[in-house]
Amino acid sequence: MKKAISLFLVAAAILSLNGFTAAESPKNDTEVKAAYIETIDETGSNIGSEETNPDVILPSSQFSVSYSLESSQLSVFGDVKGISFSVSGDLITTSENRCILLYDGMDQSANYNVAYMSLERELDKTSLFFSLFHKNHPEYINVIKVYMQLDGTNSLLLIEIYLKEDIGASLLNSQSVVYSSEAANKLQNWFVNYYSPISNSDSGISTLNAHRKDPITVTATYSMLDTQVTFVFTFQLCYDFDDIVINGGSQANIYFNILESHTECEVEGYASSTQDHFKLRDLSVSLYTAPYLMLDAQAPLRQYVRDERFFSRFDTNFSVSFTFTYRSFSLGVNFTEQKTMTGNSDVWVGLGTEQVDSSVPCETSSGNLPNGYTLYDKGAQYGIVVKYSDRSNESDPVLDPRSVLLTAHFHFILENAPEEFGSASQTLSRFVYVNVGK
């Protein structure tokens, strides 16, 4: 049995925008609709729309809702089953196509957890629970949405307030609303906090334990009302080495590289050229050499690194402590040195191998990506560039042209990794032969 909800209908709106006079909206210009899902299932597939799930629609005699819009603040208030709510939110950003204005709603009464709050226009480009109402009443051109969950339950209350006036266009013209991909991702993708994806997929997972550079793609598809939203994320473990001449030198690039990161949806308002469901964090790379191939210096390789401690701003200027190790346990030679590397890619850090025994392999690392930093934007990178040189002339006898084996190590954690991926935390090795010749 669905929970009985006893409320009264009030359709009142106060609009106060630059260039507008605060006034009560006529009742026949507003239509308030509501639905109540008592228990969301594991994948949210029992939410649907009024066409697929009409039993959860509340008659107008069972709810009371009012709203006000004052400049950049939206408020929706009323009560459900004797439990009041008073949701207010500031205008934060828009969807990528600018048809959805997104708010950071919060229930001041603390009775409900607000999942989603928005003002939407161009309704054919958005997803609606009351899609049939929209089809039958095209004169309503805007909708205010508040989706929320009664605290301590697994329910979902859907409120959609349909308007004949294009308030959204007025707001976009009167307010300075800047599109922020990171804010839009967090606010629009409310459903990831309430149920699981209906499907996950991956390609290139076999690459994880193979010595290849194949891109690794993971996806997650969620049900969202009467449509589906899919997050797509592709990354690559990159390790590029050049052959060198005897007693010559070159450099290696070892890094994580994000090749693709976007959101797919047949509804334009929810599609995006970005996504933040999948992220890489706790990253580090390292390089281990062969005898008579020495690591001389290194510099950071960083691009589009997110500092999520400050709402996902880009930051590549942080410093990390990394370890350089020169060792040969069989010879009893071993020392480790901690060094600091800044975010300036033009500053090389010397590794101090000029006076050491070149017959002993050495290892260096990027240092761990600090806590709170992540990679998920297309084009994002984290790793190191390392200068290396051949010292064949220091061997006795002098070595002939040869191939030497270098090892690149990668460590990362993939947030929201699909089950097929195995552990979210991975440490992988890649082996590369470098030719040393004339």
Protein backbone atom coordinates (compact mmCIF):
# COMPACT_ATOMS: atom_id res chain seq x y z
CA MET A 1 0.00 0.00 0.00
CA LYS A 2 1.23 3.45 -0.81
CA LYS A 3 1.51 5.81 2.13
CA ALA A 4 -1.58 8.00 2.57
CA ILE A 5 -0.71 11.64 2.08
CA SER A 6 -3.22 14.30 3.08
CA LEU A 7 -2.56 17.85 1.91
CA PHE A 8 -4.24 20.89 0.32
CA LEU A 9 -3.43 22.52 -3.01
CA VAL A 10 -2.11 26.03 -3.08
CA ALA A 11 -0.79 27.44 -6.32
CA ALA A 12 0.89 30.73 -5.52
CA ALA A 13 4.08 32.18 -6.87
CA ILE A 14 6.00 35.35 -6.24
CA LEU A 15 8.46 36.44 -8.88
CA SER A 16 11.03 39.12 -8.18
CA LEU A 17 13.68 39.60 -10.86
CA ASN A 18 15.67 42.53 -12.16
CA GLY A 19 13.21 44.28 -14.46
CA PHE A 20 10.18 42.60 -12.84
CA THR A 21 7.76 43.65 -10.12
CA ALA A 22 7.04 41.15 -7.36
CA ALA A 23 3.52 39.81 -7.88
CA GLU A 24 1.36 36.81 -7.17
CA SER A 25 1.16 34.48 -10.14
CA PRO A 26 -2.43 33.79 -11.29
CA LYS A 27 -3.57 30.30 -10.36
CA ASN A 28 -4.40 29.37 -13.95
CA ASP A 29 -0.78 30.10 -14.98
CA THR A 30 0.57 27.42 -12.62
CA GLU A 31 -0.03 23.68 -12.37
CA VAL A 32 1.45 21.74 -9.48
CA LYS A 33 1.96 17.99 -9.90
CA ALA A 34 3.34 15.49 -7.39
CA ALA A 35 4.18 11.80 -7.14
CA TYR A 36 5.41 9.66 -4.28
CA ILE A 37 7.45 6.46 -4.52
CA GLU A 38 7.37 4.75 -1.14
CA THR A 39 10.51 2.67 -1.69
CA ILE A 40 13.05 3.18 -4.45
CA ASP A 41 14.25 -0.16 -5.77
CA GLU A 42 17.92 -1.05 -6.16
CA THR A 43 18.31 0.59 -9.58
CA GLY A 44 15.57 3.23 -9.46
CA SER A 45 13.68 1.44 -12.24
CA ASN A 46 10.39 1.73 -10.33
CA ILE A 47 10.38 5.54 -10.61
CA GLY A 48 9.64 5.89 -14.32
CA SER A 49 7.12 8.51 -15.40
CA GLU A 50 3.38 9.10 -15.20
CA GLU A 51 2.97 7.05 -18.37
CA THR A 52 4.79 3.99 -16.99
CA ASN A 53 4.05 4.40 -13.28
CA PRO A 54 0.68 6.18 -12.85
CA ASP A 55 -0.10 4.52 -9.50
CA VAL A 56 2.35 6.78 -7.63
CA ILE A 57 0.70 10.03 -8.77
CA LEU A 58 -0.89 12.00 -5.93
CA PRO A 59 -4.33 13.59 -6.46
CA SER A 60 -4.38 17.35 -5.96
CA SER A 61 -6.28 16.94 -2.71
CA GLN A 62 -3.26 15.26 -1.12
CA PHE A 63 -0.54 17.87 -1.39
CA SER A 64 0.07 21.52 -0.66
CA VAL A 65 2.85 23.36 -2.47
CA SER A 66 3.84 27.00 -2.90
CA TYR A 67 6.92 28.57 -4.38
CA SER A 68 8.71 31.88 -4.57
CA LEU A 69 11.50 33.08 -6.79
CA GLU A 70 13.48 36.09 -5.72
CA SER A 71 16.44 37.01 -7.86
CA SER A 72 18.80 34.00 -7.69
CA GLN A 73 17.05 32.19 -4.82
CA LEU A 74 14.26 29.68 -5.34
CA SER A 75 12.02 28.46 -2.49
CA VAL A 76 9.42 25.68 -2.51
CA PHE A 77 7.42 24.93 0.62
CA GLY A 78 4.48 22.85 1.78
CA ASP A 79 3.82 19.66 3.74
CA VAL A 80 3.46 15.95 3.09
CA LYS A 81 1.55 13.65 5.45
CA GLY A 82 1.65 16.31 8.14
CA ILE A 83 5.41 16.74 7.76
CA SER A 84 6.32 20.19 6.50
CA PHE A 85 9.15 21.15 4.20
CA SER A 86 10.69 24.48 3.30
CA VAL A 87 13.26 24.06 0.57
CA SER A 88 15.45 26.98 -0.50
CA GLY A 89 18.35 27.05 -2.89
CA ASP A 90 20.68 29.48 -4.59
CA LEU A 91 21.18 29.43 -8.33
CA ILE A 92 24.56 27.73 -8.85
CA THR A 93 24.95 26.99 -12.56
CA THR A 94 23.16 25.65 -15.64
CA SER A 95 23.21 22.49 -17.68
CA GLU A 96 25.67 22.49 -20.56
CA ASN A 97 22.91 23.36 -23.07
CA ARG A 98 21.61 26.13 -20.76
CA CYS A 99 18.02 24.84 -20.61
CA ILE A 100 18.28 23.77 -16.94
CA LEU A 101 19.05 26.17 -14.08
CA LEU A 102 20.45 24.24 -11.13
CA TYR A 103 20.03 25.09 -7.44
CA ASP A 104 21.67 23.79 -4.26
CA GLY A 105 18.40 23.04 -2.48
CA MET A 106 18.20 22.36 1.25
CA ASP A 107 15.17 21.74 3.44
CA GLN A 108 15.27 24.31 6.24
CA SER A 109 12.96 22.13 8.34
CA ALA A 110 15.50 19.26 8.11
CA ASN A 111 12.70 16.77 7.49
CA TYR A 112 13.74 15.99 3.94
CA ASN A 113 16.99 15.41 2.09
CA VAL A 114 16.82 17.36 -1.14
CA ALA A 115 18.02 15.25 -4.08
CA TYR A 116 17.48 17.76 -6.87
CA MET A 117 16.20 21.29 -7.39
CA SER A 118 15.96 23.05 -10.74
CA LEU A 119 14.11 25.47 -12.99
CA GLU A 120 13.86 24.05 -16.51
CA ARG A 121 12.82 25.44 -19.88
CA GLU A 122 12.69 24.04 -23.43
CA LEU A 123 10.97 21.05 -21.88
CA ASP A 124 11.42 18.79 -24.90
CA LYS A 125 15.14 18.85 -23.98
CA THR A 126 14.62 17.76 -20.36
CA SER A 127 13.36 14.65 -18.60
CA LEU A 128 9.98 14.94 -16.85
CA PHE A 129 8.06 12.62 -14.59
CA PHE A 130 4.83 14.21 -15.81
CA SER A 131 5.71 13.78 -19.45
CA LEU A 132 2.12 13.09 -20.49
CA PHE A 133 0.95 16.35 -18.91
CA HIS A 134 3.63 18.18 -20.89
CA LYS A 135 2.54 16.54 -24.14
CA ASN A 136 -1.11 17.47 -23.55
CA HIS A 137 -0.40 20.99 -22.28
CA PRO A 138 2.35 22.58 -24.39
CA GLU A 139 1.32 26.02 -23.15
CA TYR A 140 3.29 25.29 -19.95
CA ILE A 141 6.85 26.14 -20.99
CA ASN A 142 8.81 26.06 -17.70
CA VAL A 143 8.91 23.63 -14.79
CA ILE A 144 10.27 23.92 -11.26
CA LYS A 145 11.44 20.56 -9.92
CA VAL A 146 12.07 19.51 -6.35
CA TYR A 147 12.88 15.84 -5.75
CA MET A 148 13.51 14.86 -2.14
CA GLN A 149 13.57 12.00 0.31
CA LEU A 150 11.99 11.92 3.75
CA ASP A 151 14.78 11.55 6.27
CA GLY A 152 15.24 7.97 7.46
CA THR A 153 13.33 6.42 4.54
CA ASN A 154 14.07 5.13 1.05
CA SER A 155 11.19 7.06 -0.49
CA LEU A 156 11.20 9.69 -3.21
CA LEU A 157 8.84 12.66 -3.45
CA LEU A 158 8.68 14.27 -6.90
CA ILE A 159 7.24 17.78 -7.19
CA GLU A 160 6.98 19.45 -10.60
CA ILE A 161 5.47 22.94 -10.84
CA TYR A 162 4.53 23.84 -14.42
CA LEU A 163 4.51 27.49 -15.50
CA LYS A 164 3.18 29.29 -18.56
CA GLU A 165 5.68 32.11 -18.20
CA ASP A 166 9.29 31.67 -19.38
CA ILE A 167 10.84 32.56 -16.03
CA GLY A 168 14.00 30.68 -16.97
CA ALA A 169 14.72 32.98 -19.90
CA SER A 170 14.12 36.00 -17.66
CA LEU A 171 16.59 34.67 -15.11
CA LEU A 172 19.24 33.97 -17.73
CA ASN A 173 18.84 37.52 -19.03
CA SER A 174 18.89 39.19 -15.61
CA GLN A 175 21.41 37.10 -13.70
CA SER A 176 25.04 36.33 -14.42
CA VAL A 177 24.78 32.53 -14.57
CA VAL A 178 28.06 30.86 -15.53
CA TYR A 179 28.15 27.24 -16.66
CA SER A 180 30.36 25.15 -14.37
CA SER A 181 30.86 21.55 -15.47
CA GLU A 182 31.92 20.33 -12.03
CA ALA A 183 28.91 21.95 -10.32
CA ALA A 184 26.51 20.75 -13.01
CA ASN A 185 27.81 17.18 -12.74
CA LYS A 186 27.27 17.11 -9.01
CA LEU A 187 23.79 18.68 -9.07
CA GLN A 188 22.33 17.02 -12.17
CA ASN A 189 23.52 13.52 -11.35
CA TRP A 190 21.55 13.37 -8.11
CA PHE A 191 20.45 9.78 -8.77
CA VAL A 192 23.92 8.27 -8.21
CA ASN A 193 23.45 8.99 -4.50
CA TYR A 194 20.14 7.11 -4.27
CA TYR A 195 20.44 3.87 -6.25
CA SER A 196 22.78 1.68 -8.27
CA PRO A 197 23.39 1.66 -12.03
CA ILE A 198 21.30 -0.65 -14.16
CA SER A 199 24.44 -1.75 -15.99
CA ASN A 200 28.22 -1.40 -16.01
CA SER A 201 30.56 -2.27 -18.82
CA ASP A 202 34.22 -2.17 -19.59
CA SER A 203 36.58 -2.70 -22.46
CA GLY A 204 40.28 -3.17 -22.30
CA ILE A 205 40.13 -4.61 -18.78
CA SER A 206 42.38 -7.42 -20.00
CA THR A 207 44.94 -4.68 -20.54
CA LEU A 208 45.31 -4.31 -16.79
CA ASN A 209 47.48 -7.38 -16.39
CA ALA A 210 48.96 -7.40 -19.90
CA HIS A 211 51.95 -5.44 -21.05
CA ARG A 212 50.02 -3.23 -23.44
CA LYS A 213 48.99 0.39 -23.80
CA ASP A 214 45.41 -0.33 -24.87
CA PRO A 215 42.93 2.30 -23.61
CA ILE A 216 40.73 1.16 -20.75
CA THR A 217 37.07 2.23 -20.94
CA VAL A 218 34.50 1.90 -18.16
CA THR A 219 30.84 2.93 -18.33
CA ALA A 220 27.90 3.07 -15.94
CA THR A 221 24.28 3.48 -17.03
CA TYR A 222 21.65 4.79 -14.63
CA SER A 223 17.88 4.93 -14.92
CA MET A 224 16.67 8.51 -14.50
CA LEU A 225 12.88 8.93 -14.68
CA ASP A 226 11.88 7.84 -18.19
CA THR A 227 15.37 7.94 -19.69
CA GLN A 228 18.89 6.62 -19.11
CA VAL A 229 22.15 8.42 -18.36
CA THR A 230 25.52 6.82 -19.18
CA PHE A 231 28.91 7.93 -17.89
CA VAL A 232 31.85 7.11 -20.17
CA PHE A 233 35.48 7.20 -19.00
CA THR A 234 38.57 6.13 -20.94
CA PHE A 235 42.12 6.29 -19.64
CA GLN A 236 45.51 4.99 -20.67
CA LEU A 237 48.76 4.02 -18.96
CA CYS A 238 51.41 5.76 -21.06
CA TYR A 239 55.10 4.92 -21.10
CA ASP A 240 57.17 6.31 -23.93
CA PHE A 241 60.91 5.53 -24.23
CA ASP A 242 63.40 6.39 -26.98
CA ASP A 243 66.31 4.26 -28.09
CA ILE A 244 69.69 5.85 -27.47
CA VAL A 245 73.24 5.63 -28.76
CA ILE A 246 76.05 4.26 -26.61
CA ASN A 247 77.04 6.90 -24.04
CA GLY A 248 74.13 9.04 -25.24
CA GLY A 249 70.96 10.11 -23.49
CA SER A 250 67.23 10.62 -23.97
CA GLN A 251 64.07 10.94 -21.89
CA ALA A 252 61.04 8.88 -20.95
CA ASN A 253 57.44 9.98 -20.35
CA ILE A 254 55.50 7.89 -17.82
CA TYR A 255 52.00 9.10 -17.01
CA PHE A 256 48.26 8.55 -16.73
CA ASN A 257 46.28 10.05 -19.60
CA ILE A 258 42.50 10.62 -19.74
CA LEU A 259 41.34 10.06 -23.32
CA GLU A 260 37.57 10.45 -22.89
CA SER A 261 35.21 11.60 -20.15
CA HIS A 262 31.60 12.48 -20.98
CA THR A 263 27.93 11.86 -20.21
CA GLU A 264 25.52 10.36 -22.74
CA CYS A 265 21.74 10.79 -22.67
CA GLU A 266 19.08 10.91 -25.37
CA VAL A 267 17.64 13.91 -23.52
CA GLU A 268 19.85 16.85 -24.50
CA GLY A 269 19.66 18.63 -21.15
CA TYR A 270 21.37 15.72 -19.39
CA ALA A 271 24.06 15.02 -21.98
CA SER A 272 27.43 16.60 -21.28
CA SER A 273 30.95 16.73 -22.67
CA THR A 274 32.17 15.96 -19.12
CA GLN A 275 31.51 13.50 -16.28
CA ASP A 276 32.84 13.03 -12.74
CA HIS A 277 31.32 9.66 -11.79
CA PHE A 278 34.57 7.88 -12.63
CA LYS A 279 37.80 9.39 -11.31
CA LEU A 280 41.41 8.39 -10.82
CA ARG A 281 43.00 9.20 -7.48
CA ASP A 282 45.95 8.15 -5.28
CA LEU A 283 48.11 8.09 -8.40
CA SER A 284 51.82 7.42 -8.68
CA VAL A 285 54.23 6.19 -11.34
CA SER A 286 57.78 4.95 -11.02
CA LEU A 287 60.63 3.79 -13.25
CA TYR A 288 63.23 1.07 -12.60
CA THR A 289 66.38 0.92 -14.75
CA ALA A 290 68.95 -1.65 -15.91
CA PRO A 291 72.70 -1.70 -15.22
CA TYR A 292 74.64 1.09 -16.94
CA LEU A 293 71.44 2.97 -17.81
CA MET A 294 71.20 5.77 -15.27
CA LEU A 295 68.39 8.15 -14.32
CA ASP A 296 69.78 11.69 -14.26
CA ALA A 297 66.89 14.11 -13.66
CA GLN A 298 63.12 14.38 -13.76
CA ALA A 299 60.30 16.89 -14.05
CA PRO A 300 56.53 16.68 -13.36
CA LEU A 301 54.00 16.01 -16.10
CA ARG A 302 50.62 17.43 -15.03
CA GLN A 303 47.53 18.65 -16.84
CA TYR A 304 43.97 19.37 -15.66
CA VAL A 305 44.47 17.99 -12.16
CA ARG A 306 41.40 18.67 -9.99
CA ASP A 307 41.75 19.90 -6.42
CA GLU A 308 38.40 18.80 -5.01
CA ARG A 309 39.06 20.37 -1.65
CA PHE A 310 38.21 23.67 -3.34
CA PHE A 311 35.23 22.61 -5.47
CA SER A 312 37.27 20.93 -8.15
CA ARG A 313 39.44 23.82 -9.24
CA PHE A 314 42.35 23.01 -11.55
CA ASP A 315 45.75 22.98 -9.81
CA THR A 316 49.11 21.72 -11.05
CA ASN A 317 51.38 23.81 -8.83
CA PHE A 318 51.39 21.52 -5.81
CA SER A 319 54.65 19.97 -4.59
CA VAL A 320 55.13 16.27 -3.92
CA SER A 321 57.81 14.32 -2.14
CA PHE A 322 59.17 11.44 -4.17
CA THR A 323 61.75 8.73 -3.56
CA PHE A 324 64.90 8.08 -5.55
CA THR A 325 66.57 4.75 -4.76
CA TYR A 326 69.96 3.45 -5.88
CA ARG A 327 70.39 -0.18 -4.90
CA SER A 328 71.90 -3.57 -5.42
CA PHE A 329 71.15 -5.86 -2.53
CA SER A 330 73.57 -8.52 -3.79
CA LEU A 331 76.41 -6.00 -3.59
CA GLY A 332 75.22 -4.48 -0.36
CA VAL A 333 74.84 -1.08 -2.05
CA ASN A 334 71.64 0.73 -1.14
CA PHE A 335 70.57 4.30 -0.47
CA THR A 336 67.25 6.10 -0.66
CA GLU A 337 66.79 9.83 -0.95
CA GLN A 338 63.58 11.86 -0.55
CA LYS A 339 63.25 14.81 -2.93
CA THR A 340 60.62 17.46 -3.56
CA MET A 341 59.20 18.23 -7.00
CA THR A 342 57.12 21.35 -7.64
CA GLY A 343 54.42 21.80 -10.25
CA ASN A 344 56.66 23.76 -12.61
CA SER A 345 57.35 21.44 -15.54
CA ASP A 346 60.32 23.59 -16.56
CA VAL A 347 62.20 22.80 -13.35
CA TRP A 348 64.21 19.59 -13.48
CA VAL A 349 65.20 17.81 -10.26
CA GLY A 350 68.63 16.24 -10.40
CA LEU A 351 68.80 12.67 -9.09
CA GLY A 352 72.47 12.78 -8.09
CA THR A 353 73.78 9.74 -9.94
CA GLU A 354 76.91 11.39 -11.33
CA GLN A 355 79.29 9.76 -8.83
CA VAL A 356 77.52 6.45 -8.15
CA ASP A 357 78.35 3.00 -9.49
CA SER A 358 76.56 2.87 -12.85
CA SER A 359 76.45 -0.92 -12.82
CA VAL A 360 73.75 -0.73 -10.13
CA PRO A 361 70.10 -0.15 -11.24
CA CYS A 362 68.14 2.72 -9.72
CA GLU A 363 64.49 3.66 -9.32
CA THR A 364 62.58 6.93 -9.10
CA SER A 365 58.92 7.88 -8.71
CA SER A 366 56.47 10.70 -9.27
CA GLY A 367 55.36 10.80 -5.66
CA ASN A 368 51.72 10.19 -4.73
CA LEU A 369 49.07 12.55 -6.04
CA PRO A 370 48.02 14.33 -2.81
CA ASN A 371 44.80 13.48 -1.03
CA GLY A 372 41.88 15.44 -2.48
CA TYR A 373 43.34 15.62 -5.99
CA THR A 374 41.79 13.62 -8.85
CA LEU A 375 41.90 13.13 -12.62
CA TYR A 376 38.72 12.86 -14.66
CA ASP A 377 38.73 15.57 -17.34
CA LYS A 378 39.52 14.69 -20.93
CA GLY A 379 43.17 15.55 -21.51
CA ALA A 380 44.12 15.29 -17.82
CA GLN A 381 47.55 13.82 -17.09
CA TYR A 382 49.74 12.94 -14.12
CA GLY A 383 53.24 11.49 -14.18
CA ILE A 384 56.89 12.32 -14.79
CA VAL A 385 59.40 13.02 -17.53
CA VAL A 386 62.75 11.36 -16.77
CA LYS A 387 66.12 11.99 -18.41
CA TYR A 388 68.28 8.88 -18.69
CA SER A 389 71.73 8.14 -20.14
CA ASP A 390 73.90 5.22 -21.11
CA ARG A 391 77.23 4.67 -19.30
CA SER A 392 78.58 1.71 -21.23
CA ASN A 393 82.05 3.25 -21.18
CA GLU A 394 82.17 2.69 -17.41
CA SER A 395 81.90 -1.08 -17.74
CA ASP A 396 84.90 -3.35 -18.02
CA PRO A 397 84.97 -4.57 -20.67
CA VAL A 398 83.00 -1.86 -22.49
CA LEU A 399 79.56 -3.16 -23.47
CA ASP A 400 78.53 -3.78 -27.05
CA PRO A 401 75.24 -2.47 -28.46
CA ARG A 402 72.41 -4.15 -26.58
CA SER A 403 68.77 -4.08 -25.48
CA VAL A 404 68.04 -3.21 -21.84
CA LEU A 405 64.87 -3.83 -19.90
CA LEU A 406 63.16 -0.92 -18.12
CA THR A 407 60.12 -1.29 -15.88
CA ALA A 408 57.37 1.30 -15.41
CA HIS A 409 55.05 0.92 -12.42
CA PHE A 410 51.58 2.48 -12.15
CA HIS A 411 49.41 2.74 -9.03
CA PHE A 412 45.87 4.16 -8.98
CA ILE A 413 42.41 3.92 -7.48
CA LEU A 414 39.40 4.11 -9.83
CA GLU A 415 36.38 5.57 -8.05
CA ASN A 416 33.12 3.68 -8.72
CA ALA A 417 35.01 0.90 -10.50
CA PRO A 418 32.63 -1.72 -11.97
CA GLU A 419 32.70 -5.19 -10.45
CA GLU A 420 34.34 -6.61 -13.56
CA PHE A 421 37.27 -4.30 -12.94
CA GLY A 422 38.24 -6.22 -9.83
CA SER A 423 39.78 -4.16 -7.07
CA ALA A 424 39.38 -0.38 -7.39
CA SER A 425 43.02 -0.15 -6.27
CA GLN A 426 45.51 -1.37 -8.86
CA THR A 427 49.32 -1.59 -9.03
CA LEU A 428 50.53 -2.56 -12.49
CA SER A 429 53.88 -3.04 -14.18
CA ARG A 430 54.88 -2.46 -17.78
CA PHE A 431 58.17 -3.76 -19.27
CA VAL A 432 59.94 -1.99 -22.12
CA TYR A 433 63.14 -2.84 -24.01
CA VAL A 434 65.30 0.12 -25.00
CA ASN A 435 67.94 -0.38 -27.68
CA VAL A 436 71.38 1.04 -26.92
CA GLY A 437 73.43 1.17 -30.09
CA LYS A 438 75.76 3.12 -32.35
